[in-house]
Amino acid sequence: MALKDSIQGSIRKATRRHAVGIDVNSQAVRIVALSCGARKGAPVRIECVAAAPLAPGVMAGVEIVDRQAVARALSAAFGCVPQHCMSDALQCAMAIPGSAAFITHLPEQQANGYHREAAVEPAVLMEAERIAGIERHALAVDWYVEDAPPRLGDVAVA
């Protein structure tokens, strides 16, 4: 029976992609684990919603005052996520307030006119470092090439 469960778990991992969203606010840490079939357009399934409370004073607005308490709460919440959702290639995204995000547009010519990710990425990281005033290794950067007016061909950087 254990071998059958192990094989089914391996097949499930191979046929579904998993991602986790994380939200930290003044009252709790929340985690939502999602999965999607490997085929394009497959429906998204909510695998798990978990939360762990935070004591008063752990957060001051959007600032984390007690990092250890947040880490313990994250650990507790992740402990509720089913094992089949966890993998070496697990993608996570963490919610941050708009006031903690910087958004800019990098004109296509500034990104050397390339649309391949490998060519655009160095210019994007330089721009993110410039607007945030923080070294690029300490940043979480998301970007995409816009293909709709009014900034046709520009690169949006968040």
Foldseek 3Di string as FASTA:
>chain_A
DVVVVVVVLVVVLVFKAKEKEWEDDQFKIKIWIWIAGPDPPGDIDTQDIFIFTADHPCADGQRGPPVVRNVVRVVVRVVPGDPSRDDPPYHYHYDGDPVLDDKDKAACVQLVVDQDCVSNVVSLLVVVCVVNVHHSVPDDKDKHQDCDPPRHRIIMID
